[in-house]
């Protein structure tokens, strides 16, 4: 049985070097995956848990808190191709709560819900001014409507709910996009910034992560994919779209 420090090479070419407990990755260690990505940090029961950094083959880096194998808590994600960084909180693998996106010359401060910006926020420019506004979830014109068969299923689901069965939580972001509505521009004042991200308390049998370790146009926002873990790349097309939008606005000035 593997206990203590050691190196293990898997059949698929992956390598783990670090601490073991009862034949499980437990403690501090480094895992290198067949695609060249690697994780360095804390482990619990064979899962990324605690604080650690994940390095992707395309140069992207996530550094921050993990819980049971998922991003959870404070962290930063660096998008290498576009030199953009997001700082904020994740909940169960998705961006949620206060955060900020840092572009080469612009920063956005606001809040996210299930990976989509929502509610009031502000853009801060290097010209020492800030634009205030809010993100509103609106219907995505490209979202496919329910087909005839799917509508029947939806009606049956509603009938069951009327009969007293437990209601399933509805995802309010489904078929929606976040649209930026600008309000006013002011000089930069720190007191106008939204709240900063804070560590998330974790109530679980495992140790707590806290204890352990100016644009008047409408801007559409497409959330990044969180499916790039261990072998895939996050979809950062929304970041490129945002960057191009800001560059075009600067050229108009």
Protein backbone atom coordinates (compact mmCIF):
# COMPACT_ATOMS: atom_id res chain seq x y z
CA UNK A 1 0.00 0.00 0.00
CA UNK A 2 1.36 3.41 -1.01
CA UNK A 3 2.04 5.68 1.97
CA UNK A 4 4.36 8.66 2.36
CA UNK A 5 6.18 10.32 -0.53
CA UNK A 6 6.66 8.62 -3.87
CA UNK A 7 6.38 8.62 -7.66
CA UNK A 8 3.73 6.65 -9.55
CA UNK A 9 3.56 6.33 -13.34
CA UNK A 10 0.15 5.38 -14.75
CA UNK A 11 -0.40 3.16 -17.79
CA UNK A 12 -1.67 6.10 -19.85
CA UNK A 13 1.56 8.03 -19.24
CA UNK A 14 0.30 10.25 -16.43
CA UNK A 15 2.67 10.74 -13.48
CA UNK A 16 2.04 11.63 -9.86
CA UNK A 17 4.87 12.62 -7.54
CA UNK A 18 4.02 13.58 -4.00
CA UNK A 19 2.39 12.39 -0.82
CA UNK A 20 0.20 9.29 -0.47
CA UNK A 21 -2.05 7.97 2.25
CA UNK A 22 -3.73 4.57 2.13
CA UNK A 23 -2.87 4.26 -1.61
CA UNK A 24 -4.56 7.59 -2.39
CA UNK A 25 -3.09 10.94 -3.41
CA UNK A 26 -3.27 12.84 -0.13
CA UNK A 27 -1.22 15.88 0.83
CA UNK A 28 0.98 17.90 -1.51
CA UNK A 29 1.85 16.57 -4.94
CA UNK A 30 2.22 17.15 -8.66
CA UNK A 31 0.17 15.34 -11.30
CA UNK A 32 1.25 15.48 -14.95
CA UNK A 33 -1.36 14.36 -17.49
CA UNK A 34 -0.81 12.74 -20.91
CA UNK A 35 -1.75 15.95 -22.77
CA UNK A 36 1.03 17.87 -21.00
CA UNK A 37 -1.17 19.69 -18.50
CA UNK A 38 -0.25 19.45 -14.83
CA UNK A 39 -1.60 20.20 -11.38
CA UNK A 40 0.56 21.24 -8.43
CA UNK A 41 -0.96 21.57 -5.01
CA UNK A 42 -3.08 19.94 -2.33
CA UNK A 43 -4.84 16.58 -2.63
CA UNK A 44 -7.41 14.78 -0.51
CA UNK A 45 -8.73 11.28 -1.22
CA UNK A 46 -7.36 11.27 -4.81
CA UNK A 47 -9.03 14.63 -5.56
CA UNK A 48 -7.66 18.15 -5.98
CA UNK A 49 -8.66 19.73 -2.69
CA UNK A 50 -7.22 22.78 -0.98
CA UNK A 51 -4.95 25.20 -2.83
CA UNK A 52 -3.30 24.43 -6.14
CA UNK A 53 -2.37 25.55 -9.64
CA UNK A 54 -3.43 23.90 -12.90
CA UNK A 55 -1.27 24.53 -15.99
CA UNK A 56 -2.92 23.92 -19.37
CA UNK A 57 -1.15 22.91 -22.61
CA UNK A 58 -2.15 26.21 -24.27
CA UNK A 59 -0.45 28.26 -21.54
CA UNK A 60 -3.57 29.06 -19.50
CA UNK A 61 -3.20 28.87 -15.71
CA UNK A 62 -5.72 28.52 -12.90
CA UNK A 63 -4.40 29.17 -9.40
CA UNK A 64 -6.62 29.09 -6.37
CA UNK A 65 -8.93 27.03 -4.20
CA UNK A 66 -10.24 23.55 -5.00
CA UNK A 67 -12.90 21.44 -3.33
CA UNK A 68 -13.48 17.77 -4.12
CA UNK A 69 -11.82 18.06 -7.53
CA UNK A 70 -13.52 21.27 -8.66
CA UNK A 71 -12.62 24.96 -8.56
CA UNK A 72 -14.34 26.31 -5.50
CA UNK A 73 -13.46 29.51 -3.67
CA UNK A 74 -11.03 32.30 -4.48
CA UNK A 75 -8.91 31.92 -7.58
CA UNK A 76 -7.39 33.51 -10.67
CA UNK A 77 -7.52 32.29 -14.26
CA UNK A 78 -4.96 33.60 -16.75
CA UNK A 79 -5.78 33.38 -20.49
CA UNK A 80 -2.37 33.22 -22.15
CA UNK A 81 -3.40 33.89 -25.76
CA UNK A 82 -5.12 37.21 -25.00
CA UNK A 83 -3.13 38.18 -21.87
CA UNK A 84 -6.34 38.48 -19.84
CA UNK A 85 -6.83 37.56 -16.19
CA UNK A 86 -9.98 36.84 -14.20
CA UNK A 87 -9.94 37.13 -10.41
CA UNK A 88 -12.92 36.04 -8.37
CA UNK A 89 -14.78 33.14 -6.82
CA UNK A 90 -15.90 29.78 -8.14
CA UNK A 91 -18.72 27.66 -6.75
CA UNK A 92 -18.81 23.97 -7.66
CA UNK A 93 -16.66 24.59 -10.74
CA UNK A 94 -18.47 27.68 -12.08
CA UNK A 95 -17.66 31.38 -11.69
CA UNK A 96 -20.07 32.86 -9.15
CA UNK A 97 -20.10 35.92 -6.93
CA UNK A 98 -17.92 39.06 -7.07
CA UNK A 99 -14.93 39.22 -9.39
CA UNK A 100 -13.01 41.25 -11.95
CA UNK A 101 -11.62 40.80 -15.46
CA UNK A 102 -8.34 42.53 -16.22
CA UNK A 103 -7.59 43.46 -19.83
CA UNK A 104 -4.39 45.24 -20.92
CA UNK A 105 -6.02 48.69 -20.50
CA UNK A 106 -9.44 48.04 -18.99
CA UNK A 107 -10.83 46.26 -15.91
CA UNK A 108 -14.40 45.13 -15.28
CA UNK A 109 -15.67 44.79 -11.70
CA UNK A 110 -18.96 43.04 -11.07
CA UNK A 111 -20.75 39.85 -10.03
CA UNK A 112 -21.34 36.52 -11.77
CA UNK A 113 -24.06 33.90 -11.59
CA UNK A 114 -23.36 30.41 -12.96
CA UNK A 115 -20.52 31.76 -15.08
CA UNK A 116 -22.48 34.71 -16.49
CA UNK A 117 -22.11 38.35 -15.35
CA UNK A 118 -25.27 39.64 -13.72
CA UNK A 119 -26.32 42.83 -12.00
CA UNK A 120 -24.49 46.13 -11.42
CA UNK A 121 -20.83 46.61 -12.27
CA UNK A 122 -18.35 49.06 -13.75
CA UNK A 123 -15.56 49.30 -16.32
CA UNK A 124 -12.42 51.06 -15.11
CA UNK A 125 -10.20 52.60 -17.82
CA UNK A 126 -6.56 53.62 -17.69
CA UNK A 127 -7.69 57.19 -18.40
CA UNK A 128 -8.74 57.39 -14.72
CA UNK A 129 -12.46 57.19 -15.42
CA UNK A 130 -15.10 54.53 -14.92
CA UNK A 131 -18.35 53.59 -16.63
CA UNK A 132 -21.23 52.36 -14.50
CA UNK A 133 -24.02 50.08 -15.64
CA UNK A 134 -25.47 46.63 -15.21
CA UNK A 135 -25.70 43.25 -16.92
CA UNK A 136 -29.21 42.02 -17.63
CA UNK A 137 -30.09 38.48 -18.68
CA UNK A 138 -32.10 38.56 -21.89
CA UNK A 139 -33.32 35.96 -24.34
CA UNK A 140 -30.64 34.65 -26.68
CA UNK A 141 -31.92 35.01 -30.28
CA UNK A 142 -29.69 32.10 -31.32
CA UNK A 143 -31.14 29.75 -28.71
CA UNK A 144 -33.22 26.96 -30.24
CA UNK A 145 -36.85 26.94 -29.19
CA UNK A 146 -38.49 23.77 -27.89
CA UNK A 147 -39.68 21.41 -30.58
CA UNK A 148 -43.16 19.91 -30.67
CA UNK A 149 -42.12 16.74 -28.83
CA UNK A 150 -40.17 18.70 -26.24
CA UNK A 151 -43.17 20.97 -25.63
CA UNK A 152 -45.27 17.90 -24.85
CA UNK A 153 -42.66 16.73 -22.34
CA UNK A 154 -42.66 20.19 -20.77
CA UNK A 155 -46.47 20.11 -20.47
CA UNK A 156 -46.32 16.67 -18.82
CA UNK A 157 -43.74 17.99 -16.38
CA UNK A 158 -46.06 20.87 -15.45
CA UNK A 159 -48.95 18.41 -14.96
CA UNK A 160 -46.84 16.34 -12.57
CA UNK A 161 -45.96 19.43 -10.59
CA UNK A 162 -49.65 20.24 -10.26
CA UNK A 163 -50.20 16.73 -8.87
CA UNK A 164 -47.88 17.54 -5.98
CA UNK A 165 -44.52 16.11 -7.07
CA UNK A 166 -41.37 17.89 -5.96
CA UNK A 167 -40.47 20.82 -8.20
CA UNK A 168 -37.15 20.70 -10.07
CA UNK A 169 -35.00 23.82 -9.87
CA UNK A 170 -35.16 25.81 -13.11
CA UNK A 171 -31.94 27.23 -14.53
CA UNK A 172 -32.76 30.88 -15.20
CA UNK A 173 -29.63 31.24 -17.37
CA UNK A 174 -30.82 28.65 -19.91
CA UNK A 175 -31.32 30.31 -23.28
CA UNK A 176 -30.22 33.68 -21.89
CA UNK A 177 -27.29 35.98 -22.60
CA UNK A 178 -25.92 38.81 -20.49
CA UNK A 179 -26.26 42.23 -22.12
CA UNK A 180 -24.42 45.28 -20.79
CA UNK A 181 -26.48 48.43 -20.26
CA UNK A 182 -24.34 51.54 -19.70
CA UNK A 183 -25.61 54.29 -17.40
CA UNK A 184 -23.06 57.02 -16.70
CA UNK A 185 -19.34 57.80 -16.70
CA UNK A 186 -17.53 59.33 -13.72
CA UNK A 187 -14.00 59.99 -12.56
CA UNK A 188 -12.40 57.00 -10.87
CA UNK A 189 -13.41 56.63 -7.23
CA UNK A 190 -12.56 53.47 -5.31
CA UNK A 191 -15.71 53.72 -3.17
CA UNK A 192 -17.81 53.12 -6.30
CA UNK A 193 -16.24 49.70 -6.92
CA UNK A 194 -18.34 46.58 -6.18
CA UNK A 195 -17.36 44.33 -3.23
CA UNK A 196 -14.12 42.36 -3.51
CA UNK A 197 -14.17 38.52 -3.62
CA UNK A 198 -13.81 36.79 -0.26
CA UNK A 199 -12.93 33.18 0.71
CA UNK A 200 -15.85 30.76 0.79
CA UNK A 201 -16.55 28.84 4.01
CA UNK A 202 -16.90 25.12 3.39
CA UNK A 203 -18.99 22.95 5.71
CA UNK A 204 -17.92 19.40 5.06
CA UNK A 205 -16.21 16.42 6.64
CA UNK A 206 -13.07 17.52 4.81
CA UNK A 207 -11.12 20.53 6.20
CA UNK A 208 -12.37 23.99 5.26
CA UNK A 209 -10.54 25.74 2.45
CA UNK A 210 -10.46 28.87 4.62
CA UNK A 211 -8.87 27.09 7.53
CA UNK A 212 -6.35 25.21 5.38
CA UNK A 213 -4.44 27.15 3.62
CA UNK A 214 -16.97 54.48 -22.16
CA UNK A 215 -19.10 52.55 -23.87
CA UNK A 216 -22.74 53.27 -24.69
CA UNK A 217 -23.06 50.37 -27.10
CA UNK A 218 -24.63 47.11 -25.98
CA UNK A 219 -22.10 44.37 -25.23
CA UNK A 220 -23.10 40.74 -25.41
CA UNK A 221 -21.33 38.31 -23.10
CA UNK A 222 -20.81 34.59 -23.71
CA UNK A 223 -19.62 32.67 -20.64
CA UNK A 224 -16.42 30.60 -20.73
CA UNK A 225 -16.65 26.83 -20.69
CA UNK A 226 -15.42 25.06 -17.59
CA UNK A 227 -14.99 21.73 -19.43
CA UNK A 228 -11.31 22.15 -20.24
CA UNK A 229 -10.03 20.39 -17.14
CA UNK A 230 -7.45 17.65 -17.55
CA UNK A 231 -6.93 17.42 -21.25
CA UNK A 232 -9.05 20.15 -22.82
CA UNK A 233 -8.86 23.90 -23.26
CA UNK A 234 -11.36 26.36 -21.83
CA UNK A 235 -13.41 28.17 -24.47
CA UNK A 236 -12.19 31.75 -24.25
CA UNK A 237 -13.91 33.13 -27.37
CA UNK A 238 -16.01 35.43 -25.17
CA UNK A 239 -12.83 37.11 -23.92
CA UNK A 240 -11.57 37.76 -27.45
CA UNK A 241 -14.98 39.18 -28.41
CA UNK A 242 -14.86 41.55 -25.41
CA UNK A 243 -11.30 42.64 -26.16
CA UNK A 244 -12.10 43.40 -29.81
CA UNK A 245 -15.14 45.42 -28.69
CA UNK A 246 -13.03 47.56 -26.36
CA UNK A 247 -10.33 48.11 -28.99
CA UNK A 248 -12.92 49.26 -31.55
CA UNK A 249 -14.39 51.68 -29.02
CA UNK A 250 -10.96 53.19 -28.35
CA UNK A 251 -10.39 53.71 -32.08
CA UNK A 252 -13.64 55.68 -32.34
CA UNK A 253 -12.52 58.16 -29.69
